[in-house]
Amino acid sequence: MNGGEVQQELIDIELFRKVDLRVGVVKQAEKVMGSKKLLRLFIDIGTEVRQIIAGLAEWYKPEELVGKKVVVVVNLKPKKLMGYESQGMLLATCNQGKPLLVTVEGDAKPGSKIC
């Protein structure tokens, strides 16, 4: 290995196809009371608005996220965090320890499948 490469388990295309990635638009965002890290986001995924709890509060103000087109894993099992059910996950990359959201440009509609 060279240049910071990480050895990872390889998956086949059939397993990858099971992950449902969609364009979502952040409609509303707020801090989760009692948490320094969590934001409660309401994201339009075309067929419904999903509540997603994300550990972004240290890096993003809620108002900065409203209107952003993000990439959402929509077929992730729901999970309770701080009393709220999170119904998906946002994709992000890390840059020197700070998460940077994976966003979509152009006129992609909420619910558009990432292909």
PDB file of N, CA and C in Angstrom:
ATOM      1  N   MET A   1       0.850  -1.193   0.000  1.00  0.00           N
ATOM      2  CA  MET A   1       0.000   0.000   0.000  1.00  0.00           C
ATOM      3  C   MET A   1       0.884   1.241   0.000  1.00  0.00           C
ATOM      4  N   ASN A   2       0.395   2.264  -0.654  1.00  0.00           N
ATOM      5  CA  ASN A   2       1.130   3.521  -0.676  1.00  0.00           C
ATOM      6  C   ASN A   2       0.152   4.695  -0.676  1.00  0.00           C
ATOM      7  N   GLY A   3       0.623   5.832  -0.224  1.00  0.00           N
ATOM      8  CA  GLY A   3      -0.172   7.054  -0.285  1.00  0.00           C
ATOM      9  C   GLY A   3      -1.446   7.043   0.544  1.00  0.00           C
ATOM     10  N   GLY A   4      -1.454   6.346   1.682  1.00  0.00           N
ATOM     11  CA  GLY A   4      -2.624   6.377   2.548  1.00  0.00           C
ATOM     12  C   GLY A   4      -3.760   5.461   2.120  1.00  0.00           C
ATOM     13  N   GLU A   5      -3.500   4.540   1.217  1.00  0.00           N
ATOM     14  CA  GLU A   5      -4.540   3.604   0.796  1.00  0.00           C
ATOM     15  C   GLU A   5      -4.958   2.728   1.965  1.00  0.00           C
ATOM     16  N   VAL A   6      -6.231   2.385   2.004  1.00  0.00           N
ATOM     17  CA  VAL A   6      -6.769   1.535   3.049  1.00  0.00           C
ATOM     18  C   VAL A   6      -7.235   0.239   2.409  1.00  0.00           C
ATOM     19  N   GLN A   7      -6.800  -0.885   2.971  1.00  0.00           N
ATOM     20  CA  GLN A   7      -7.248  -2.176   2.472  1.00  0.00           C
ATOM     21  C   GLN A   7      -8.669  -2.411   2.969  1.00  0.00           C
ATOM     22  N   GLN A   8      -9.582  -2.707   2.044  1.00  0.00           N
ATOM     23  CA  GLN A   8     -10.965  -2.932   2.408  1.00  0.00           C
ATOM     24  C   GLN A   8     -11.474  -4.214   1.777  1.00  0.00           C
ATOM     25  N   GLU A   9     -12.512  -4.765   2.384  1.00  0.00           N
ATOM     26  CA  GLU A   9     -13.165  -5.932   1.818  1.00  0.00           C
ATOM     27  C   GLU A   9     -13.897  -5.515   0.548  1.00  0.00           C
ATOM     28  N   LEU A  10     -13.717  -6.273  -0.509  1.00  0.00           N
ATOM     29  CA  LEU A  10     -14.397  -5.984  -1.766  1.00  0.00           C
ATOM     30  C   LEU A  10     -15.784  -6.606  -1.759  1.00  0.00           C
ATOM     31  N   ILE A  11     -16.749  -5.895  -2.340  1.00  0.00           N
ATOM     32  CA  ILE A  11     -18.104  -6.422  -2.463  1.00  0.00           C
ATOM     33  C   ILE A  11     -18.415  -6.592  -3.941  1.00  0.00           C
ATOM     34  N   ASP A  12     -19.375  -7.453  -4.229  1.00  0.00           N
ATOM     35  CA  ASP A  12     -19.735  -7.620  -5.633  1.00  0.00           C
ATOM     36  C   ASP A  12     -20.841  -6.638  -6.016  1.00  0.00           C
ATOM     37  N   ILE A  13     -21.085  -6.515  -7.300  1.00  0.00           N
ATOM     38  CA  ILE A  13     -22.039  -5.540  -7.820  1.00  0.00           C
ATOM     39  C   ILE A  13     -23.456  -5.812  -7.312  1.00  0.00           C
ATOM     40  N   GLU A  14     -23.799  -7.076  -7.088  1.00  0.00           N
ATOM     41  CA  GLU A  14     -25.139  -7.404  -6.601  1.00  0.00           C
ATOM     42  C   GLU A  14     -25.380  -6.825  -5.207  1.00  0.00           C
ATOM     43  N   LEU A  15     -24.389  -6.884  -4.348  1.00  0.00           N
ATOM     44  CA  LEU A  15     -24.524  -6.293  -3.014  1.00  0.00           C
ATOM     45  C   LEU A  15     -24.637  -4.772  -3.122  1.00  0.00           C
ATOM     46  N   PHE A  16     -23.821  -4.161  -3.960  1.00  0.00           N
ATOM     47  CA  PHE A  16     -23.870  -2.708  -4.136  1.00  0.00           C
ATOM     48  C   PHE A  16     -25.233  -2.265  -4.660  1.00  0.00           C
ATOM     49  N   ARG A  17     -25.826  -3.036  -5.559  1.00  0.00           N
ATOM     50  CA  ARG A  17     -27.133  -2.679  -6.132  1.00  0.00           C
ATOM     51  C   ARG A  17     -28.238  -2.637  -5.081  1.00  0.00           C
ATOM     52  N   LYS A  18     -28.028  -3.271  -3.947  1.00  0.00           N
ATOM     53  CA  LYS A  18     -29.031  -3.259  -2.885  1.00  0.00           C
ATOM     54  C   LYS A  18     -29.118  -1.911  -2.182  1.00  0.00           C
ATOM     55  N   VAL A  19     -28.076  -1.108  -2.292  1.00  0.00           N
ATOM     56  CA  VAL A  19     -28.068   0.211  -1.651  1.00  0.00           C
ATOM     57  C   VAL A  19     -28.855   1.180  -2.535  1.00  0.00           C
ATOM     58  N   ASP A  20     -29.912   1.767  -1.981  1.00  0.00           N
ATOM     59  CA  ASP A  20     -30.769   2.689  -2.728  1.00  0.00           C
ATOM     60  C   ASP A  20     -30.370   4.119  -2.386  1.00  0.00           C
ATOM     61  N   LEU A  21     -29.677   4.759  -3.314  1.00  0.00           N
ATOM     62  CA  LEU A  21     -29.213   6.133  -3.142  1.00  0.00           C
ATOM     63  C   LEU A  21     -30.121   7.054  -3.947  1.00  0.00           C
ATOM     64  N   ARG A  22     -30.615   8.093  -3.294  1.00  0.00           N
ATOM     65  CA  ARG A  22     -31.541   9.031  -3.935  1.00  0.00           C
ATOM     66  C   ARG A  22     -31.151  10.475  -3.645  1.00  0.00           C
ATOM     67  N   VAL A  23     -31.587  11.361  -4.520  1.00  0.00           N
ATOM     68  CA  VAL A  23     -31.442  12.792  -4.288  1.00  0.00           C
ATOM     69  C   VAL A  23     -32.511  13.206  -3.277  1.00  0.00           C
ATOM     70  N   GLY A  24     -32.091  13.953  -2.280  1.00  0.00           N
ATOM     71  CA  GLY A  24     -33.024  14.515  -1.316  1.00  0.00           C
ATOM     72  C   GLY A  24     -32.780  16.003  -1.170  1.00  0.00           C
ATOM     73  N   VAL A  25     -33.821  16.737  -0.834  1.00  0.00           N
ATOM     74  CA  VAL A  25     -33.699  18.176  -0.604  1.00  0.00           C
ATOM     75  C   VAL A  25     -34.026  18.451   0.856  1.00  0.00           C
ATOM     76  N   VAL A  26     -33.115  19.123   1.540  1.00  0.00           N
ATOM     77  CA  VAL A  26     -33.323  19.460   2.949  1.00  0.00           C
ATOM     78  C   VAL A  26     -34.384  20.553   3.023  1.00  0.00           C
ATOM     79  N   LYS A  27     -35.517  20.223   3.652  1.00  0.00           N
ATOM     80  CA  LYS A  27     -36.632  21.158   3.787  1.00  0.00           C
ATOM     81  C   LYS A  27     -36.574  21.931   5.095  1.00  0.00           C
ATOM     82  N   GLN A  28     -36.069  21.272   6.135  1.00  0.00           N
ATOM     83  CA  GLN A  28     -36.015  21.888   7.464  1.00  0.00           C
ATOM     84  C   GLN A  28     -34.873  21.242   8.228  1.00  0.00           C
ATOM     85  N   ALA A  29     -34.241  22.005   9.106  1.00  0.00           N
ATOM     86  CA  ALA A  29     -33.152  21.482   9.935  1.00  0.00           C
ATOM     87  C   ALA A  29     -33.176  22.194  11.279  1.00  0.00           C
ATOM     88  N   GLU A  30     -32.880  21.427  12.333  1.00  0.00           N
ATOM     89  CA  GLU A  30     -32.851  21.999  13.678  1.00  0.00           C
ATOM     90  C   GLU A  30     -31.889  21.193  14.538  1.00  0.00           C
ATOM     91  N   LYS A  31     -31.383  21.839  15.580  1.00  0.00           N
ATOM     92  CA  LYS A  31     -30.516  21.135  16.527  1.00  0.00           C
ATOM     93  C   LYS A  31     -31.359  20.195  17.371  1.00  0.00           C
ATOM     94  N   VAL A  32     -30.765  19.065  17.757  1.00  0.00           N
ATOM     95  CA  VAL A  32     -31.421  18.132  18.660  1.00  0.00           C
ATOM     96  C   VAL A  32     -31.115  18.593  20.081  1.00  0.00           C
ATOM     97  N   MET A  33     -32.157  18.873  20.840  1.00  0.00           N
ATOM     98  CA  MET A  33     -31.992  19.321  22.222  1.00  0.00           C
ATOM     99  C   MET A  33     -31.229  18.266  23.018  1.00  0.00           C
ATOM    100  N   GLY A  34     -30.245  18.708  23.799  1.00  0.00           N
ATOM    101  CA  GLY A  34     -29.473  17.800  24.634  1.00  0.00           C
ATOM    102  C   GLY A  34     -28.283  17.172  23.935  1.00  0.00           C
ATOM    103  N   SER A  35     -28.040  17.540  22.680  1.00  0.00           N
ATOM    104  CA  SER A  35     -26.908  16.986  21.933  1.00  0.00           C
ATOM    105  C   SER A  35     -26.076  18.112  21.318  1.00  0.00           C
ATOM    106  N   LYS A  36     -24.770  17.983  21.420  1.00  0.00           N
ATOM    107  CA  LYS A  36     -23.872  18.953  20.788  1.00  0.00           C
ATOM    108  C   LYS A  36     -23.588  18.592  19.337  1.00  0.00           C
ATOM    109  N   LYS A  37     -23.837  17.322  18.968  1.00  0.00           N
ATOM    110  CA  LYS A  37     -23.426  16.827  17.659  1.00  0.00           C
ATOM    111  C   LYS A  37     -24.559  16.633  16.656  1.00  0.00           C
ATOM    112  N   LEU A  38     -25.787  16.429  17.133  1.00  0.00           N
ATOM    113  CA  LEU A  38     -26.840  15.975  16.231  1.00  0.00           C
ATOM    114  C   LEU A  38     -27.743  17.090  15.715  1.00  0.00           C
ATOM    115  N   LEU A  39     -28.114  16.943  14.435  1.00  0.00           N
ATOM    116  CA  LEU A  39     -29.123  17.778  13.802  1.00  0.00           C
ATOM    117  C   LEU A  39     -30.272  16.890  13.367  1.00  0.00           C
ATOM    118  N   ARG A  40     -31.472  17.427  13.457  1.00  0.00           N
ATOM    119  CA  ARG A  40     -32.684  16.741  12.982  1.00  0.00           C
ATOM    120  C   ARG A  40     -33.058  17.385  11.656  1.00  0.00           C
ATOM    121  N   LEU A  41     -33.016  16.593  10.606  1.00  0.00           N
ATOM    122  CA  LEU A  41     -33.259  17.091   9.253  1.00  0.00           C
ATOM    123  C   LEU A  41     -34.538  16.479   8.702  1.00  0.00           C
ATOM    124  N   PHE A  42     -35.275  17.262   7.949  1.00  0.00           N
ATOM    125  CA  PHE A  42     -36.444  16.778   7.233  1.00  0.00           C
ATOM    126  C   PHE A  42     -36.113  16.897   5.753  1.00  0.00           C
ATOM    127  N   ILE A  43     -36.073  15.743   5.080  1.00  0.00           N
ATOM    128  CA  ILE A  43     -35.552  15.686   3.725  1.00  0.00           C
ATOM    129  C   ILE A  43     -36.604  15.124   2.773  1.00  0.00           C
ATOM    130  N   ASP A  44     -36.905  15.899   1.731  1.00  0.00           N
ATOM    131  CA  ASP A  44     -37.844  15.481   0.692  1.00  0.00           C
ATOM    132  C   ASP A  44     -37.124  14.510  -0.234  1.00  0.00           C
ATOM    133  N   ILE A  45     -37.622  13.252  -0.289  1.00  0.00           N
ATOM    134  CA  ILE A  45     -37.014  12.267  -1.189  1.00  0.00           C
ATOM    135  C   ILE A  45     -37.954  11.935  -2.353  1.00  0.00           C
ATOM    136  N   GLY A  46     -38.852  12.848  -2.656  1.00  0.00           N
ATOM    137  CA  GLY A  46     -39.736  12.691  -3.808  1.00  0.00           C
ATOM    138  C   GLY A  46     -41.087  12.117  -3.460  1.00  0.00           C
ATOM    139  N   THR A  47     -41.121  10.968  -2.792  1.00  0.00           N
ATOM    140  CA  THR A  47     -42.385  10.321  -2.447  1.00  0.00           C
ATOM    141  C   THR A  47     -42.836  10.651  -1.029  1.00  0.00           C
ATOM    142  N   GLU A  48     -41.929  11.187  -0.233  1.00  0.00           N
ATOM    143  CA  GLU A  48     -42.226  11.517   1.165  1.00  0.00           C
ATOM    144  C   GLU A  48     -41.123  12.402   1.718  1.00  0.00           C
ATOM    145  N   VAL A  49     -41.375  12.956   2.895  1.00  0.00           N
ATOM    146  CA  VAL A  49     -40.351  13.701   3.627  1.00  0.00           C
ATOM    147  C   VAL A  49     -39.887  12.797   4.755  1.00  0.00           C
ATOM    148  N   ARG A  50     -38.572  12.548   4.803  1.00  0.00           N
ATOM    149  CA  ARG A  50     -37.987  11.680   5.817  1.00  0.00           C
ATOM    150  C   ARG A  50     -37.283  12.505   6.886  1.00  0.00           C
ATOM    151  N   GLN A  51     -37.337  11.992   8.110  1.00  0.00           N
ATOM    152  CA  GLN A  51     -36.578  12.571   9.217  1.00  0.00           C
ATOM    153  C   GLN A  51     -35.252  11.817   9.306  1.00  0.00           C
ATOM    154  N   ILE A  52     -34.165  12.551   9.243  1.00  0.00           N
ATOM    155  CA  ILE A  52     -32.837  11.950   9.360  1.00  0.00           C
ATOM    156  C   ILE A  52     -32.078  12.696  10.447  1.00  0.00           C
ATOM    157  N   ILE A  53     -31.492  11.928  11.359  1.00  0.00           N
ATOM    158  CA  ILE A  53     -30.680  12.501  12.426  1.00  0.00           C
ATOM    159  C   ILE A  53     -29.228  12.345  11.999  1.00  0.00           C
ATOM    160  N   ALA A  54     -28.504  13.448  11.953  1.00  0.00           N
ATOM    161  CA  ALA A  54     -27.133  13.424  11.440  1.00  0.00           C
ATOM    162  C   ALA A  54     -26.183  14.143  12.394  1.00  0.00           C
ATOM    163  N   GLY A  55     -25.003  13.606  12.550  1.00  0.00           N
ATOM    164  CA  GLY A  55     -23.985  14.181  13.425  1.00  0.00           C
ATOM    165  C   GLY A  55     -23.209  15.298  12.758  1.00  0.00           C
ATOM    166  N   LEU A  56     -23.911  16.371  12.428  1.00  0.00           N
ATOM    167  CA  LEU A  56     -23.311  17.480  11.673  1.00  0.00           C
ATOM    168  C   LEU A  56     -23.290  18.804  12.423  1.00  0.00           C
ATOM    169  N   ALA A  57     -23.850  18.852  13.632  1.00  0.00           N
ATOM    170  CA  ALA A  57     -24.055  20.134  14.322  1.00  0.00           C
ATOM    171  C   ALA A  57     -22.765  20.877  14.654  1.00  0.00           C
ATOM    172  N   GLU A  58     -21.655  20.159  14.781  1.00  0.00           N
ATOM    173  CA  GLU A  58     -20.389  20.826  15.080  1.00  0.00           C
ATOM    174  C   GLU A  58     -19.828  21.566  13.864  1.00  0.00           C
ATOM    175  N   TRP A  59     -20.337  21.244  12.670  1.00  0.00           N
ATOM    176  CA  TRP A  59     -19.755  21.808  11.446  1.00  0.00           C
ATOM    177  C   TRP A  59     -20.739  22.598  10.597  1.00  0.00           C
ATOM    178  N   TYR A  60     -22.034  22.345  10.769  1.00  0.00           N
ATOM    179  CA  TYR A  60     -23.047  23.029   9.960  1.00  0.00           C
ATOM    180  C   TYR A  60     -24.099  23.650  10.861  1.00  0.00           C
ATOM    181  N   LYS A  61     -24.501  24.874  10.520  1.00  0.00           N
ATOM    182  CA  LYS A  61     -25.651  25.500  11.166  1.00  0.00           C
ATOM    183  C   LYS A  61     -26.897  24.988  10.443  1.00  0.00           C
ATOM    184  N   PRO A  62     -27.983  24.757  11.170  1.00  0.00           N
ATOM    185  CA  PRO A  62     -29.182  24.223  10.517  1.00  0.00           C
ATOM    186  C   PRO A  62     -29.615  25.017   9.288  1.00  0.00           C
ATOM    187  N   GLU A  63     -29.582  26.344   9.382  1.00  0.00           N
ATOM    188  CA  GLU A  63     -30.037  27.172   8.264  1.00  0.00           C
ATOM    189  C   GLU A  63     -29.153  27.049   7.021  1.00  0.00           C
ATOM    190  N   GLU A  64     -27.899  26.626   7.183  1.00  0.00           N
ATOM    191  CA  GLU A  64     -27.007  26.425   6.036  1.00  0.00           C
ATOM    192  C   GLU A  64     -27.423  25.220   5.184  1.00  0.00           C
ATOM    193  N   LEU A  65     -28.139  24.299   5.781  1.00  0.00           N
ATOM    194  CA  LEU A  65     -28.483  23.054   5.099  1.00  0.00           C
ATOM    195  C   LEU A  65     -29.796  23.124   4.331  1.00  0.00           C
ATOM    196  N   VAL A  66     -30.692  24.012   4.737  1.00  0.00           N
ATOM    197  CA  VAL A  66     -31.995  24.105   4.092  1.00  0.00           C
ATOM    198  C   VAL A  66     -31.821  24.460   2.612  1.00  0.00           C
ATOM    199  N   GLY A  67     -32.460  23.655   1.760  1.00  0.00           N
ATOM    200  CA  GLY A  67     -32.389  23.860   0.314  1.00  0.00           C
ATOM    201  C   GLY A  67     -31.309  23.061  -0.382  1.00  0.00           C
ATOM    202  N   LYS A  68     -30.374  22.484   0.365  1.00  0.00           N
ATOM    203  CA  LYS A  68     -29.309  21.699  -0.258  1.00  0.00           C
ATOM    204  C   LYS A  68     -29.855  20.401  -0.821  1.00  0.00           C
ATOM    205  N   LYS A  69     -29.333  20.018  -1.993  1.00  0.00           N
ATOM    206  CA  LYS A  69     -29.633  18.721  -2.588  1.00  0.00           C
ATOM    207  C   LYS A  69     -28.538  17.771  -2.149  1.00  0.00           C
ATOM    208  N   VAL A  70     -28.940  16.735  -1.406  1.00  0.00           N
ATOM    209  CA  VAL A  70     -27.994  15.812  -0.807  1.00  0.00           C
ATOM    210  C   VAL A  70     -28.243  14.399  -1.329  1.00  0.00           C
ATOM    211  N   VAL A  71     -27.297  13.507  -1.058  1.00  0.00           N
ATOM    212  CA  VAL A  71     -27.444  12.101  -1.423  1.00  0.00           C
ATOM    213  C   VAL A  71     -27.832  11.336  -0.164  1.00  0.00           C
ATOM    214  N   VAL A  72     -28.942  10.580  -0.271  1.00  0.00           N
ATOM    215  CA  VAL A  72     -29.515   9.885   0.879  1.00  0.00           C
ATOM    216  C   VAL A  72     -29.556   8.381   0.619  1.00  0.00           C
ATOM    217  N   VAL A  73     -29.131   7.608   1.623  1.00  0.00           N
ATOM    218  CA  VAL A  73     -29.358   6.162   1.597  1.00  0.00           C
ATOM    219  C   VAL A  73     -30.769   5.978   2.143  1.00  0.00           C
ATOM    220  N   VAL A  74     -31.715   5.572   1.274  1.00  0.00           N
ATOM    221  CA  VAL A  74     -33.120   5.532   1.693  1.00  0.00           C
ATOM    222  C   VAL A  74     -33.574   4.162   2.184  1.00  0.00           C
ATOM    223  N   ASN A  75     -32.782   3.114   1.939  1.00  0.00           N
ATOM    224  CA  ASN A  75     -33.222   1.785   2.374  1.00  0.00           C
ATOM    225  C   ASN A  75     -32.421   1.255   3.563  1.00  0.00           C
ATOM    226  N   LEU A  76     -31.927   2.169   4.382  1.00  0.00           N
ATOM    227  CA  LEU A  76     -31.237   1.801   5.611  1.00  0.00           C
ATOM    228  C   LEU A  76     -32.287   1.568   6.707  1.00  0.00           C
ATOM    229  N   LYS A  77     -32.083   0.556   7.528  1.00  0.00           N
ATOM    230  CA  LYS A  77     -33.018   0.297   8.622  1.00  0.00           C
ATOM    231  C   LYS A  77     -33.073   1.513   9.545  1.00  0.00           C
ATOM    232  N   PRO A  78     -34.288   1.923   9.970  1.00  0.00           N
ATOM    233  CA  PRO A  78     -34.415   3.060  10.894  1.00  0.00           C
ATOM    234  C   PRO A  78     -33.693   2.784  12.207  1.00  0.00           C
ATOM    235  N   LYS A  79     -33.220   3.870  12.828  1.00  0.00           N
ATOM    236  CA  LYS A  79     -32.508   3.761  14.102  1.00  0.00           C
ATOM    237  C   LYS A  79     -32.927   4.925  14.988  1.00  0.00           C
ATOM    238  N   LYS A  80     -33.130   4.648  16.275  1.00  0.00           N
ATOM    239  CA  LYS A  80     -33.480   5.696  17.244  1.00  0.00           C
ATOM    240  C   LYS A  80     -32.221   6.355  17.766  1.00  0.00           C
ATOM    241  N   LEU A  81     -32.197   7.681  17.710  1.00  0.00           N
ATOM    242  CA  LEU A  81     -31.100   8.485  18.244  1.00  0.00           C
ATOM    243  C   LEU A  81     -31.706   9.625  19.054  1.00  0.00           C
ATOM    244  N   MET A  82     -31.351   9.707  20.331  1.00  0.00           N
ATOM    245  CA  MET A  82     -31.832  10.787  21.209  1.00  0.00           C
ATOM    246  C   MET A  82     -33.361  10.899  21.167  1.00  0.00           C
ATOM    247  N   GLY A  83     -34.041   9.770  21.054  1.00  0.00           N
ATOM    248  CA  GLY A  83     -35.498   9.764  21.062  1.00  0.00           C
ATOM    249  C   GLY A  83     -36.159   9.983  19.718  1.00  0.00           C
ATOM    250  N   TYR A  84     -35.375  10.208  18.676  1.00  0.00           N
ATOM    251  CA  TYR A  84     -35.915  10.419  17.332  1.00  0.00           C
ATOM    252  C   TYR A  84     -35.549   9.243  16.434  1.00  0.00           C
ATOM    253  N   GLU A  85     -36.461   8.898  15.528  1.00  0.00           N
ATOM    254  CA  GLU A  85     -36.166   7.840  14.571  1.00  0.00           C
ATOM    255  C   GLU A  85     -35.498   8.449  13.342  1.00  0.00           C
ATOM    256  N   SER A  86     -34.318   7.940  13.022  1.00  0.00           N
ATOM    257  CA  SER A  86     -33.611   8.369  11.824  1.00  0.00           C
ATOM    258  C   SER A  86     -33.968   7.401  10.707  1.00  0.00           C
ATOM    259  N   GLN A  87     -34.470   7.944   9.587  1.00  0.00           N
ATOM    260  CA  GLN A  87     -35.005   7.138   8.494  1.00  0.00           C
ATOM    261  C   GLN A  87     -34.129   7.202   7.251  1.00  0.00           C
ATOM    262  N   GLY A  88     -32.835   7.085   7.438  1.00  0.00           N
ATOM    263  CA  GLY A  88     -31.903   7.124   6.317  1.00  0.00           C
ATOM    264  C   GLY A  88     -30.575   7.681   6.768  1.00  0.00           C
ATOM    265  N   MET A  89     -29.709   7.907   5.808  1.00  0.00           N
ATOM    266  CA  MET A  89     -28.375   8.437   6.100  1.00  0.00           C
ATOM    267  C   MET A  89     -27.936   9.330   4.944  1.00  0.00           C
ATOM    268  N   LEU A  90     -27.273  10.425   5.291  1.00  0.00           N
ATOM    269  CA  LEU A  90     -26.688  11.299   4.282  1.00  0.00           C
ATOM    270  C   LEU A  90     -25.284  10.829   3.967  1.00  0.00           C
ATOM    271  N   LEU A  91     -24.852  11.000   2.723  1.00  0.00           N
ATOM    272  CA  LEU A  91     -23.474  10.683   2.369  1.00  0.00           C
ATOM    273  C   LEU A  91     -22.609  11.920   2.545  1.00  0.00           C
ATOM    274  N   ALA A  92     -21.423  11.689   3.082  1.00  0.00           N
ATOM    275  CA  ALA A  92     -20.461  12.772   3.301  1.00  0.00           C
ATOM    276  C   ALA A  92     -19.062  12.202   3.157  1.00  0.00           C
ATOM    277  N   THR A  93     -18.132  13.078   2.918  1.00  0.00           N
ATOM    278  CA  THR A  93     -16.724  12.724   2.920  1.00  0.00           C
ATOM    279  C   THR A  93     -16.072  13.471   4.066  1.00  0.00           C
ATOM    280  N   CYS A  94     -14.936  13.022   4.502  1.00  0.00           N
ATOM    281  CA  CYS A  94     -14.227  13.717   5.579  1.00  0.00           C
ATOM    282  C   CYS A  94     -13.017  14.444   5.009  1.00  0.00           C
ATOM    283  N   ASN A  95     -12.872  15.689   5.377  1.00  0.00           N
ATOM    284  CA  ASN A  95     -11.745  16.503   4.948  1.00  0.00           C
ATOM    285  C   ASN A  95     -11.099  17.069   6.202  1.00  0.00           C
ATOM    286  N   GLN A  96      -9.973  16.494   6.589  1.00  0.00           N
ATOM    287  CA  GLN A  96      -9.256  16.905   7.799  1.00  0.00           C
ATOM    288  C   GLN A  96     -10.185  16.866   9.016  1.00  0.00           C
ATOM    289  N   GLY A  97     -10.980  15.784   9.112  1.00  0.00           N
ATOM    290  CA  GLY A  97     -11.850  15.584  10.248  1.00  0.00           C
ATOM    291  C   GLY A  97     -13.206  16.253  10.163  1.00  0.00           C
ATOM    292  N   LYS A  98     -13.434  17.067   9.147  1.00  0.00           N
ATOM    293  CA  LYS A  98     -14.723  17.745   8.981  1.00  0.00           C
ATOM    294  C   LYS A  98     -15.533  17.033   7.906  1.00  0.00           C
ATOM    295  N   PRO A  99     -16.797  16.684   8.215  1.00  0.00           N
ATOM    296  CA  PRO A  99     -17.625  16.071   7.180  1.00  0.00           C
ATOM    297  C   PRO A  99     -18.057  17.114   6.144  1.00  0.00           C
ATOM    298  N   LEU A 100     -17.960  16.730   4.882  1.00  0.00           N
ATOM    299  CA  LEU A 100     -18.443  17.567   3.785  1.00  0.00           C
ATOM    300  C   LEU A 100     -19.541  16.773   3.090  1.00  0.00           C
ATOM    301  N   LEU A 101     -20.738  17.311   3.041  1.00  0.00           N
ATOM    302  CA  LEU A 101     -21.855  16.601   2.450  1.00  0.00           C
ATOM    303  C   LEU A 101     -21.657  16.376   0.960  1.00  0.00           C
ATOM    304  N   VAL A 102     -22.059  15.206   0.507  1.00  0.00           N
ATOM    305  CA  VAL A 102     -22.093  14.923  -0.928  1.00  0.00           C
ATOM    306  C   VAL A 102     -23.378  15.571  -1.436  1.00  0.00           C
ATOM    307  N   THR A 103     -23.239  16.517  -2.353  1.00  0.00           N
ATOM    308  CA  THR A 103     -24.394  17.256  -2.865  1.00  0.00           C
ATOM    309  C   THR A 103     -24.546  17.024  -4.361  1.00  0.00           C
ATOM    310  N   VAL A 104     -25.708  17.424  -4.865  1.00  0.00           N
ATOM    311  CA  VAL A 104     -26.041  17.231  -6.272  1.00  0.00           C
ATOM    312  C   VAL A 104     -26.272  18.601  -6.895  1.00  0.00           C
ATOM    313  N   GLU A 105     -25.703  18.805  -8.067  1.00  0.00           N
ATOM    314  CA  GLU A 105     -25.883  20.062  -8.790  1.00  0.00           C
ATOM    315  C   GLU A 105     -26.991  19.925  -9.827  1.00  0.00           C
ATOM    316  N   GLY A 106     -27.414  21.041 -10.364  1.00  0.00           N
ATOM    317  CA  GLY A 106     -28.363  21.023 -11.468  1.00  0.00           C
ATOM    318  C   GLY A 106     -29.797  20.833 -11.019  1.00  0.00           C
ATOM    319  N   ASP A 107     -30.606  20.351 -11.969  1.00  0.00           N
ATOM    320  CA  ASP A 107     -32.050  20.291 -11.713  1.00  0.00           C
ATOM    321  C   ASP A 107     -32.547  18.895 -11.343  1.00  0.00           C
ATOM    322  N   ALA A 108     -31.701  18.092 -10.696  1.00  0.00           N
ATOM    323  CA  ALA A 108     -32.129  16.765 -10.237  1.00  0.00           C
ATOM    324  C   ALA A 108     -33.299  16.927  -9.277  1.00  0.00           C
ATOM    325  N   LYS A 109     -34.335  16.158  -9.492  1.00  0.00           N
ATOM    326  CA  LYS A 109     -35.530  16.230  -8.674  1.00  0.00           C
ATOM    327  C   LYS A 109     -35.393  15.363  -7.429  1.00  0.00           C
ATOM    328  N   PRO A 110     -36.066  15.740  -6.336  1.00  0.00           N
ATOM    329  CA  PRO A 110     -36.053  14.884  -5.146  1.00  0.00           C
ATOM    330  C   PRO A 110     -36.552  13.479  -5.502  1.00  0.00           C
ATOM    331  N   GLY A 111     -35.846  12.481  -5.014  1.00  0.00           N
ATOM    332  CA  GLY A 111     -36.211  11.099  -5.300  1.00  0.00           C
ATOM    333  C   GLY A 111     -35.491  10.510  -6.489  1.00  0.00           C
ATOM    334  N   SER A 112     -34.774  11.350  -7.259  1.00  0.00           N
ATOM    335  CA  SER A 112     -34.019  10.812  -8.408  1.00  0.00           C
ATOM    336  C   SER A 112     -33.017   9.787  -7.917  1.00  0.00           C
ATOM    337  N   LYS A 113     -32.958   8.647  -8.593  1.00  0.00           N
ATOM    338  CA  LYS A 113     -32.057   7.575  -8.211  1.00  0.00           C
ATOM    339  C   LYS A 113     -30.647   7.927  -8.646  1.00  0.00           C
ATOM    340  N   ILE A 114     -29.682   7.679  -7.753  1.00  0.00           N
ATOM    341  CA  ILE A 114     -28.274   7.862  -8.085  1.00  0.00           C
ATOM    342  C   ILE A 114     -27.847   6.622  -8.854  1.00  0.00           C
ATOM    343  N   CYS A 115     -27.327   6.817 -10.059  1.00  0.00           N
ATOM    344  CA  CYS A 115     -26.947   5.664 -10.873  1.00  0.00           C
ATOM    345  C   CYS A 115     -25.519   5.788 -11.369  1.00  0.00           C
TER     346      CYS A 115
END
